[in-house]
C-alpha atoms as a PDB file:
ATOM      1  CA  UNK A   1      -9.596  28.214 -39.391  1.00  0.00           C
ATOM      2  CA  UNK A   2     -12.775  28.704 -41.391  1.00  0.00           C
ATOM      3  CA  UNK A   3     -16.379  28.661 -40.388  1.00  0.00           C
ATOM      4  CA  UNK A   4     -18.726  27.120 -42.928  1.00  0.00           C
ATOM      5  CA  UNK A   5     -22.454  27.082 -42.964  1.00  0.00           C
ATOM      6  CA  UNK A   6     -23.622  24.505 -45.480  1.00  0.00           C
ATOM      7  CA  UNK A   7     -26.856  22.955 -46.654  1.00  0.00           C
ATOM      8  CA  UNK A   8     -27.573  19.627 -45.039  1.00  0.00           C
ATOM      9  CA  UNK A   9     -29.890  17.150 -46.764  1.00  0.00           C
ATOM     10  CA  UNK A  10     -31.065  15.316 -43.685  1.00  0.00           C
ATOM     11  CA  UNK A  11     -30.374  15.071 -39.980  1.00  0.00           C
ATOM     12  CA  UNK A  12     -31.713  12.019 -38.154  1.00  0.00           C
ATOM     13  CA  UNK A  13     -31.695  12.619 -34.421  1.00  0.00           C
ATOM     14  CA  UNK A  14     -30.764   9.491 -32.442  1.00  0.00           C
ATOM     15  CA  UNK A  15     -31.657  10.790 -29.001  1.00  0.00           C
ATOM     16  CA  UNK A  16     -35.101   9.908 -27.703  1.00  0.00           C
ATOM     17  CA  UNK A  17     -37.096  10.072 -30.972  1.00  0.00           C
ATOM     18  CA  UNK A  18     -35.273  10.581 -34.284  1.00  0.00           C
ATOM     19  CA  UNK A  19     -35.837  14.072 -35.621  1.00  0.00           C
ATOM     20  CA  UNK A  20     -35.422  14.738 -39.329  1.00  0.00           C
ATOM     21  CA  UNK A  21     -34.198  18.235 -39.866  1.00  0.00           C
ATOM     22  CA  UNK A  22     -33.081  19.722 -43.147  1.00  0.00           C
ATOM     23  CA  UNK A  23     -30.576  22.458 -42.596  1.00  0.00           C
ATOM     24  CA  UNK A  24     -29.449  25.387 -44.614  1.00  0.00           C
ATOM     25  CA  UNK A  25     -27.305  28.322 -43.723  1.00  0.00           C
ATOM     26  CA  UNK A  26     -24.530  30.247 -45.294  1.00  0.00           C
ATOM     27  CA  UNK A  27     -20.848  30.052 -44.489  1.00  0.00           C
ATOM     28  CA  UNK A  28     -18.565  32.058 -42.314  1.00  0.00           C
ATOM     29  CA  UNK A  29     -14.800  31.969 -41.920  1.00  0.00           C
ATOM     30  CA  UNK A  30     -12.632  33.295 -39.160  1.00  0.00           C
ATOM     31  CA  UNK A  31      -8.980  32.474 -38.629  1.00  0.00           C
ATOM     32  CA  UNK A  32      -7.302  32.142 -35.250  1.00  0.00           C
ATOM     33  CA  UNK A  33      -3.696  32.961 -35.938  1.00  0.00           C
ATOM     34  CA  UNK A  34      -1.085  34.552 -33.743  1.00  0.00           C
ATOM     35  CA  UNK A  35       2.016  36.613 -34.563  1.00  0.00           C
ATOM     36  CA  UNK A  36       3.799  35.833 -37.855  1.00  0.00           C
ATOM     37  CA  UNK A  37       1.036  33.432 -38.909  1.00  0.00           C
ATOM     38  CA  UNK A  38       1.452  30.950 -36.066  1.00  0.00           C
ATOM     39  CA  UNK A  39      -1.725  29.102 -35.216  1.00  0.00           C
ATOM     40  CA  UNK A  40      -3.327  30.303 -31.972  1.00  0.00           C
ATOM     41  CA  UNK A  41      -4.403  27.199 -30.105  1.00  0.00           C
ATOM     42  CA  UNK A  42      -5.467  26.660 -26.535  1.00  0.00           C
ATOM     43  CA  UNK A  43      -4.011  24.279 -23.998  1.00  0.00           C
ATOM     44  CA  UNK A  44      -5.906  20.995 -24.296  1.00  0.00           C
ATOM     45  CA  UNK A  45      -6.661  18.817 -21.275  1.00  0.00           C
ATOM     46  CA  UNK A  46      -4.091  16.063 -20.606  1.00  0.00           C
ATOM     47  CA  UNK A  47      -4.003  13.174 -23.085  1.00  0.00           C
ATOM     48  CA  UNK A  48      -5.770  10.120 -21.591  1.00  0.00           C
ATOM     49  CA  UNK A  49      -3.895   7.640 -23.810  1.00  0.00           C
ATOM     50  CA  UNK A  50      -1.935   5.992 -20.974  1.00  0.00           C
ATOM     51  CA  UNK A  51      -4.464   6.428 -18.163  1.00  0.00           C
ATOM     52  CA  UNK A  52      -8.063   5.644 -17.337  1.00  0.00           C
ATOM     53  CA  UNK A  53     -10.259   8.255 -19.018  1.00  0.00           C
ATOM     54  CA  UNK A  54     -11.606  10.865 -16.588  1.00  0.00           C
ATOM     55  CA  UNK A  55     -13.864  13.522 -18.123  1.00  0.00           C
ATOM     56  CA  UNK A  56     -13.159  16.170 -15.472  1.00  0.00           C
ATOM     57  CA  UNK A  57      -9.432  15.784 -16.155  1.00  0.00           C
ATOM     58  CA  UNK A  58      -9.210  14.907 -19.836  1.00  0.00           C
ATOM     59  CA  UNK A  59     -12.219  16.828 -21.199  1.00  0.00           C
ATOM     60  CA  UNK A  60     -14.603  17.852 -22.590  1.00  0.00           C
ATOM     61  CA  UNK A  61     -15.011  20.323 -19.754  1.00  0.00           C
ATOM     62  CA  UNK A  62     -17.825  22.335 -18.242  1.00  0.00           C
ATOM     63  CA  UNK A  63     -17.582  26.122 -18.363  1.00  0.00           C
ATOM     64  CA  UNK A  64     -17.204  26.134 -14.569  1.00  0.00           C
ATOM     65  CA  UNK A  65     -14.083  23.962 -14.916  1.00  0.00           C
ATOM     66  CA  UNK A  66     -12.025  26.392 -17.037  1.00  0.00           C
ATOM     67  CA  UNK A  67     -10.312  29.524 -15.790  1.00  0.00           C
ATOM     68  CA  UNK A  68     -11.099  31.585 -18.888  1.00  0.00           C
ATOM     69  CA  UNK A  69     -13.152  31.211 -22.049  1.00  0.00           C
ATOM     70  CA  UNK A  70     -11.043  33.723 -23.996  1.00  0.00           C
ATOM     71  CA  UNK A  71      -9.746  32.475 -27.325  1.00  0.00           C
ATOM     72  CA  UNK A  72     -12.405  29.854 -27.974  1.00  0.00           C
ATOM     73  CA  UNK A  73     -14.838  29.965 -30.908  1.00  0.00           C
ATOM     74  CA  UNK A  74     -18.051  30.887 -29.087  1.00  0.00           C
ATOM     75  CA  UNK A  75     -21.116  29.055 -30.424  1.00  0.00           C
ATOM     76  CA  UNK A  76     -23.294  29.587 -27.376  1.00  0.00           C
ATOM     77  CA  UNK A  77     -23.655  26.231 -25.631  1.00  0.00           C
ATOM     78  CA  UNK A  78     -20.347  25.017 -27.094  1.00  0.00           C
ATOM     79  CA  UNK A  79     -16.914  26.628 -27.087  1.00  0.00           C
ATOM     80  CA  UNK A  80     -14.580  25.182 -29.716  1.00  0.00           C
ATOM     81  CA  UNK A  81     -10.786  25.160 -29.644  1.00  0.00           C
ATOM     82  CA  UNK A  82      -9.395  26.884 -32.770  1.00  0.00           C
ATOM     83  CA  UNK A  83      -7.108  24.847 -35.007  1.00  0.00           C
ATOM     84  CA  UNK A  84      -5.424  25.634 -38.310  1.00  0.00           C
ATOM     85  CA  UNK A  85      -7.298  24.124 -41.247  1.00  0.00           C
ATOM     86  CA  UNK A  86     -10.491  23.535 -39.256  1.00  0.00           C
ATOM     87  CA  UNK A  87     -13.849  24.322 -40.900  1.00  0.00           C
ATOM     88  CA  UNK A  88     -17.061  24.647 -38.886  1.00  0.00           C
ATOM     89  CA  UNK A  89     -20.563  24.221 -40.329  1.00  0.00           C
ATOM     90  CA  UNK A  90     -23.622  25.075 -38.275  1.00  0.00           C
ATOM     91  CA  UNK A  91     -26.630  22.893 -39.105  1.00  0.00           C
ATOM     92  CA  UNK A  92     -29.961  24.694 -38.985  1.00  0.00           C
ATOM     93  CA  UNK A  93     -33.417  23.150 -38.585  1.00  0.00           C
ATOM     94  CA  UNK A  94     -35.572  24.557 -41.360  1.00  0.00           C
ATOM     95  CA  UNK A  95     -38.871  24.502 -39.463  1.00  0.00           C
ATOM     96  CA  UNK A  96     -37.583  26.500 -36.488  1.00  0.00           C
ATOM     97  CA  UNK A  97     -34.418  28.163 -37.849  1.00  0.00           C
ATOM     98  CA  UNK A  98     -32.595  27.036 -34.719  1.00  0.00           C
ATOM     99  CA  UNK A  99     -29.030  25.759 -34.876  1.00  0.00           C
ATOM    100  CA  UNK A 100     -29.149  22.110 -33.830  1.00  0.00           C
ATOM    101  CA  UNK A 101     -25.588  20.906 -34.457  1.00  0.00           C
ATOM    102  CA  UNK A 102     -22.107  21.968 -35.479  1.00  0.00           C
ATOM    103  CA  UNK A 103     -19.884  19.869 -37.727  1.00  0.00           C
ATOM    104  CA  UNK A 104     -16.108  20.208 -37.568  1.00  0.00           C
ATOM    105  CA  UNK A 105     -14.337  19.330 -40.830  1.00  0.00           C
ATOM    106  CA  UNK A 106     -10.601  18.655 -40.774  1.00  0.00           C
ATOM    107  CA  UNK A 107      -8.377  16.915 -43.330  1.00  0.00           C
ATOM    108  CA  UNK A 108     -11.293  15.190 -45.051  1.00  0.00           C
ATOM    109  CA  UNK A 109     -12.816  13.900 -41.803  1.00  0.00           C
ATOM    110  CA  UNK A 110     -15.706  15.243 -39.749  1.00  0.00           C
ATOM    111  CA  UNK A 111     -16.973  15.468 -36.188  1.00  0.00           C
ATOM    112  CA  UNK A 112     -20.596  16.448 -35.580  1.00  0.00           C
ATOM    113  CA  UNK A 113     -21.331  17.841 -32.103  1.00  0.00           C
ATOM    114  CA  UNK A 114     -24.638  18.178 -30.259  1.00  0.00           C
ATOM    115  CA  UNK A 115     -25.130  19.097 -26.613  1.00  0.00           C
ATOM    116  CA  UNK A 116     -28.194  18.163 -24.555  1.00  0.00           C
ATOM    117  CA  UNK A 117     -29.562  19.006 -21.150  1.00  0.00           C
ATOM    118  CA  UNK A 118     -29.374  16.307 -18.472  1.00  0.00           C
ATOM    119  CA  UNK A 119     -30.343  15.949 -14.838  1.00  0.00           C
ATOM    120  CA  UNK A 120     -27.796  16.106 -12.051  1.00  0.00           C
ATOM    121  CA  UNK A 121     -28.198  12.428 -11.184  1.00  0.00           C
ATOM    122  CA  UNK A 122     -29.027  10.593 -14.434  1.00  0.00           C
ATOM    123  CA  UNK A 123     -26.444   9.612 -17.031  1.00  0.00           C
ATOM    124  CA  UNK A 124     -27.783   9.375 -20.591  1.00  0.00           C
ATOM    125  CA  UNK A 125     -25.120   7.647 -22.647  1.00  0.00           C
ATOM    126  CA  UNK A 126     -26.101   4.043 -21.846  1.00  0.00           C
ATOM    127  CA  UNK A 127     -29.732   4.572 -22.936  1.00  0.00           C
ATOM    128  CA  UNK A 128     -28.691   6.598 -25.955  1.00  0.00           C
ATOM    129  CA  UNK A 129     -26.371   3.839 -27.159  1.00  0.00           C
ATOM    130  CA  UNK A 130     -29.355   1.484 -27.133  1.00  0.00           C
ATOM    131  CA  UNK A 131     -31.483   3.982 -29.045  1.00  0.00           C
ATOM    132  CA  UNK A 132     -28.763   4.441 -31.674  1.00  0.00           C
ATOM    133  CA  UNK A 133     -28.799   0.665 -32.124  1.00  0.00           C
ATOM    134  CA  UNK A 134     -32.566   0.657 -32.621  1.00  0.00           C
ATOM    135  CA  UNK A 135     -32.379   3.567 -35.059  1.00  0.00           C
ATOM    136  CA  UNK A 136     -29.591   1.999 -37.123  1.00  0.00           C
ATOM    137  CA  UNK A 137     -31.320  -1.393 -37.052  1.00  0.00           C
ATOM    138  CA  UNK A 138     -34.535   0.128 -38.398  1.00  0.00           C
ATOM    139  CA  UNK A 139     -32.525   1.323 -41.413  1.00  0.00           C
ATOM    140  CA  UNK A 140     -31.171  -2.160 -42.083  1.00  0.00           C
ATOM    141  CA  UNK A 141     -27.820  -1.409 -40.516  1.00  0.00           C
ATOM    142  CA  UNK A 142     -25.864  -2.821 -37.635  1.00  0.00           C
ATOM    143  CA  UNK A 143     -23.801  -1.512 -34.729  1.00  0.00           C
ATOM    144  CA  UNK A 144     -20.813  -2.650 -32.712  1.00  0.00           C
ATOM    145  CA  UNK A 145     -20.107  -1.505 -29.157  1.00  0.00           C
ATOM    146  CA  UNK A 146     -16.426  -0.657 -28.755  1.00  0.00           C
ATOM    147  CA  UNK A 147     -14.111   0.309 -25.905  1.00  0.00           C
ATOM    148  CA  UNK A 148     -12.521   3.511 -27.183  1.00  0.00           C
ATOM    149  CA  UNK A 149     -10.739   6.607 -25.982  1.00  0.00           C
ATOM    150  CA  UNK A 150     -13.828   7.881 -24.154  1.00  0.00           C
ATOM    151  CA  UNK A 151     -15.129   4.560 -22.873  1.00  0.00           C
ATOM    152  CA  UNK A 152     -18.025   2.775 -24.579  1.00  0.00           C
ATOM    153  CA  UNK A 153     -18.560   3.875 -28.171  1.00  0.00           C
ATOM    154  CA  UNK A 154     -20.851   2.847 -31.029  1.00  0.00           C
ATOM    155  CA  UNK A 155     -19.654   1.976 -34.529  1.00  0.00           C
ATOM    156  CA  UNK A 156     -22.644   2.135 -36.870  1.00  0.00           C
ATOM    157  CA  UNK A 157     -22.911   0.792 -40.414  1.00  0.00           C
ATOM    158  CA  UNK A 158     -25.922   1.784 -42.516  1.00  0.00           C
ATOM    159  CA  UNK A 159     -26.580   0.491 -46.049  1.00  0.00           C
ATOM    160  CA  UNK A 160     -25.941   3.151 -48.674  1.00  0.00           C
ATOM    161  CA  UNK A 161     -25.563   3.373 -52.439  1.00  0.00           C
ATOM    162  CA  UNK A 162     -22.361   4.766 -53.880  1.00  0.00           C
ATOM    163  CA  UNK A 163     -22.126   7.386 -56.609  1.00  0.00           C
ATOM    164  CA  UNK A 164     -21.541   4.598 -59.134  1.00  0.00           C
ATOM    165  CA  UNK A 165     -24.697   2.793 -58.040  1.00  0.00           C
ATOM    166  CA  UNK A 166     -22.885   0.097 -56.097  1.00  0.00           C
ATOM    167  CA  UNK A 167     -24.170  -0.999 -52.709  1.00  0.00           C
ATOM    168  CA  UNK A 168     -22.125  -0.341 -49.620  1.00  0.00           C
ATOM    169  CA  UNK A 169     -22.251   1.142 -46.126  1.00  0.00           C
ATOM    170  CA  UNK A 170     -21.984   4.506 -44.505  1.00  0.00           C
ATOM    171  CA  UNK A 171     -19.935   4.193 -41.338  1.00  0.00           C
ATOM    172  CA  UNK A 172     -20.049   6.498 -38.335  1.00  0.00           C
ATOM    173  CA  UNK A 173     -18.498   6.326 -34.893  1.00  0.00           C
ATOM    174  CA  UNK A 174     -20.636   7.696 -32.046  1.00  0.00           C
ATOM    175  CA  UNK A 175     -18.973   8.946 -28.866  1.00  0.00           C
ATOM    176  CA  UNK A 176     -20.824  10.307 -25.839  1.00  0.00           C
ATOM    177  CA  UNK A 177     -19.869  12.046 -22.616  1.00  0.00           C
ATOM    178  CA  UNK A 178     -22.057  12.634 -19.559  1.00  0.00           C
ATOM    179  CA  UNK A 179     -21.140  15.935 -17.913  1.00  0.00           C
ATOM    180  CA  UNK A 180     -22.596  17.997 -15.078  1.00  0.00           C
ATOM    181  CA  UNK A 181     -26.222  18.584 -16.182  1.00  0.00           C
ATOM    182  CA  UNK A 182     -25.346  18.036 -19.842  1.00  0.00           C
ATOM    183  CA  UNK A 183     -24.600  15.306 -22.346  1.00  0.00           C
ATOM    184  CA  UNK A 184     -22.295  15.819 -25.340  1.00  0.00           C
ATOM    185  CA  UNK A 185     -22.557  13.573 -28.391  1.00  0.00           C
ATOM    186  CA  UNK A 186     -19.993  13.373 -31.171  1.00  0.00           C
ATOM    187  CA  UNK A 187     -20.269  11.557 -34.491  1.00  0.00           C
ATOM    188  CA  UNK A 188     -17.025  10.872 -36.345  1.00  0.00           C
ATOM    189  CA  UNK A 189     -17.216  10.458 -40.113  1.00  0.00           C
ATOM    190  CA  UNK A 190     -14.776   9.743 -42.925  1.00  0.00           C
ATOM    191  CA  UNK A 191     -11.637   7.722 -42.206  1.00  0.00           C
ATOM    192  CA  UNK A 192     -11.861   8.976 -38.616  1.00  0.00           C
ATOM    193  CA  UNK A 193     -14.757   6.581 -38.054  1.00  0.00           C
ATOM    194  CA  UNK A 194     -12.517   3.541 -38.459  1.00  0.00           C
ATOM    195  CA  UNK A 195      -8.902   4.759 -38.283  1.00  0.00           C
ATOM    196  CA  UNK A 196      -7.511   5.828 -34.905  1.00  0.00           C
ATOM    197  CA  UNK A 197      -4.711   7.869 -36.473  1.00  0.00           C
ATOM    198  CA  UNK A 198      -7.139   9.754 -38.715  1.00  0.00           C
ATOM    199  CA  UNK A 199      -9.368  10.382 -35.679  1.00  0.00           C
ATOM    200  CA  UNK A 200      -6.623  11.689 -33.379  1.00  0.00           C
ATOM    201  CA  UNK A 201      -6.956  15.417 -34.151  1.00  0.00           C
ATOM    202  CA  UNK A 202     -10.763  15.313 -34.010  1.00  0.00           C
ATOM    203  CA  UNK A 203     -10.622  13.397 -30.716  1.00  0.00           C
ATOM    204  CA  UNK A 204      -8.410  16.173 -29.360  1.00  0.00           C
ATOM    205  CA  UNK A 205     -10.929  18.757 -30.566  1.00  0.00           C
ATOM    206  CA  UNK A 206     -13.692  16.793 -28.838  1.00  0.00           C
ATOM    207  CA  UNK A 207     -11.699  16.793 -25.589  1.00  0.00           C
ATOM    208  CA  UNK A 208     -11.084  20.508 -26.014  1.00  0.00           C
ATOM    209  CA  UNK A 209     -14.798  21.391 -26.186  1.00  0.00           C
ATOM    210  CA  UNK A 210     -16.203  23.457 -23.309  1.00  0.00           C
ATOM    211  CA  UNK A 211     -19.940  23.047 -22.663  1.00  0.00           C
ATOM    212  CA  UNK A 212     -21.868  26.089 -21.415  1.00  0.00           C
ATOM    213  CA  UNK A 213     -24.967  24.570 -19.820  1.00  0.00           C
ATOM    214  CA  UNK A 214     -26.429  27.787 -18.394  1.00  0.00           C
ATOM    215  CA  UNK A 215     -28.932  28.015 -15.560  1.00  0.00           C
ATOM    216  CA  UNK A 216     -32.155  27.818 -17.569  1.00  0.00           C
ATOM    217  CA  UNK A 217     -34.221  24.786 -16.455  1.00  0.00           C
ATOM    218  CA  UNK A 218     -34.565  22.328 -19.335  1.00  0.00           C
ATOM    219  CA  UNK A 219     -36.018  18.820 -19.588  1.00  0.00           C
ATOM    220  CA  UNK A 220     -33.382  16.114 -19.971  1.00  0.00           C
ATOM    221  CA  UNK A 221     -32.427  15.502 -23.628  1.00  0.00           C
ATOM    222  CA  UNK A 222     -33.479  18.949 -24.813  1.00  0.00           C
ATOM    223  CA  UNK A 223     -30.913  20.417 -27.196  1.00  0.00           C
ATOM    224  CA  UNK A 224     -28.756  23.183 -25.783  1.00  0.00           C
ATOM    225  CA  UNK A 225     -28.920  26.358 -27.849  1.00  0.00           C
ATOM    226  CA  UNK A 226     -26.196  26.971 -30.419  1.00  0.00           C
ATOM    227  CA  UNK A 227     -25.768  30.181 -32.369  1.00  0.00           C
ATOM    228  CA  UNK A 228     -23.590  32.058 -34.816  1.00  0.00           C
ATOM    229  CA  UNK A 229     -20.363  33.526 -33.454  1.00  0.00           C
ATOM    230  CA  UNK A 230     -20.968  37.004 -32.111  1.00  0.00           C
ATOM    231  CA  UNK A 231     -18.720  38.616 -34.731  1.00  0.00           C
ATOM    232  CA  UNK A 232     -20.596  37.099 -37.696  1.00  0.00           C
ATOM    233  CA  UNK A 233     -23.586  38.613 -39.485  1.00  0.00           C
ATOM    234  CA  UNK A 234     -25.565  37.944 -42.667  1.00  0.00           C
ATOM    235  CA  UNK A 235     -24.892  40.113 -45.728  1.00  0.00           C
ATOM    236  CA  UNK A 236     -27.663  41.309 -48.085  1.00  0.00           C
ATOM    237  CA  UNK A 237     -26.553  38.624 -50.562  1.00  0.00           C
ATOM    238  CA  UNK A 238     -27.197  35.926 -47.966  1.00  0.00           C
ATOM    239  CA  UNK A 239     -23.568  35.102 -47.263  1.00  0.00           C
ATOM    240  CA  UNK A 240     -22.353  35.261 -43.707  1.00  0.00           C
ATOM    241  CA  UNK A 241     -19.696  37.890 -43.156  1.00  0.00           C
ATOM    242  CA  UNK A 242     -17.744  39.242 -40.219  1.00  0.00           C
ATOM    243  CA  UNK A 243     -18.380  42.630 -38.706  1.00  0.00           C
ATOM    244  CA  UNK A 244     -14.799  43.474 -39.656  1.00  0.00           C
ATOM    245  CA  UNK A 245     -13.616  43.298 -43.258  1.00  0.00           C
ATOM    246  CA  UNK A 246     -10.447  41.596 -42.036  1.00  0.00           C
ATOM    247  CA  UNK A 247     -10.734  39.336 -38.981  1.00  0.00           C
ATOM    248  CA  UNK A 248      -8.846  40.766 -36.029  1.00  0.00           C
ATOM    249  CA  UNK A 249      -6.433  37.834 -36.030  1.00  0.00           C
ATOM    250  CA  UNK A 250      -6.224  37.359 -39.788  1.00  0.00           C
ATOM    251  CA  UNK A 251      -7.797  34.634 -41.894  1.00  0.00           C
ATOM    252  CA  UNK A 252      -9.735  33.883 -45.017  1.00  0.00           C
ATOM    253  CA  UNK A 253     -13.104  35.339 -46.075  1.00  0.00           C
ATOM    254  CA  UNK A 254     -16.333  33.546 -45.316  1.00  0.00           C
ATOM    255  CA  UNK A 255     -17.317  30.778 -47.708  1.00  0.00           C
ATOM    256  CA  UNK A 256     -20.062  28.202 -48.313  1.00  0.00           C
ATOM    257  CA  UNK A 257     -19.527  24.698 -46.966  1.00  0.00           C
ATOM    258  CA  UNK A 258     -20.218  21.396 -48.754  1.00  0.00           C
ATOM    259  CA  UNK A 259     -23.435  19.425 -48.556  1.00  0.00           C
ATOM    260  CA  UNK A 260     -23.392  16.422 -46.260  1.00  0.00           C
ATOM    261  CA  UNK A 261     -25.659  13.613 -45.187  1.00  0.00           C
ATOM    262  CA  UNK A 262     -25.158  12.436 -41.602  1.00  0.00           C
ATOM    263  CA  UNK A 263     -25.615   8.866 -40.421  1.00  0.00           C
ATOM    264  CA  UNK A 264     -28.183   8.513 -37.672  1.00  0.00           C
END
């Protein structure tokens, strides 16, 4: 599993007011492999495929709902389940240098994650779905509300020009989960936005996320703080490297991630 910190052309925030944030950071890689090269993965919550979805049972979970946080990739407010072939890119807001999102890349598909503070009593996803619709509509796009794995979801299509100059659409699938004093938003890109089979592994990663809300009072919809993994540091050349020349559990060296443009 590799961490990547890549340059991001534009981030349009769909919650409350859209927030454009260019991001740039360098890449890190860290593998999570067990004995004889076997992938070290954690036990995911039960699959909700044949039952009514229940966040507290099927995930994503709150830190208070897991027995141990050992073995996760620790990004501060989010703990990520390691998976072979997974690349993580932290997206940094240039004006404040704060990490505002993490994007998980797997098999040519992507899942962007952002966590927000919420009140104990108010659920945010219904209002946020409406705001996504307004944001996409203002860009000449359209949305469709779907019943998906996690309940109500938003499929967004935004006009875009292809590399050959042809007109088309960028498609993204928005999923949202209201948790205890937090809200987690995911944006699926690539084939995962429209193909359930292509989305399956990223959906499992979404369910495997653990949100660390913390006790600091925050206004609803404020971003929860993300950060570099504790065992990563910046080298004099600007690349992100691990404290250890060889990661404790093996893996590849740190590398730069690709540029992306997110729908939103």
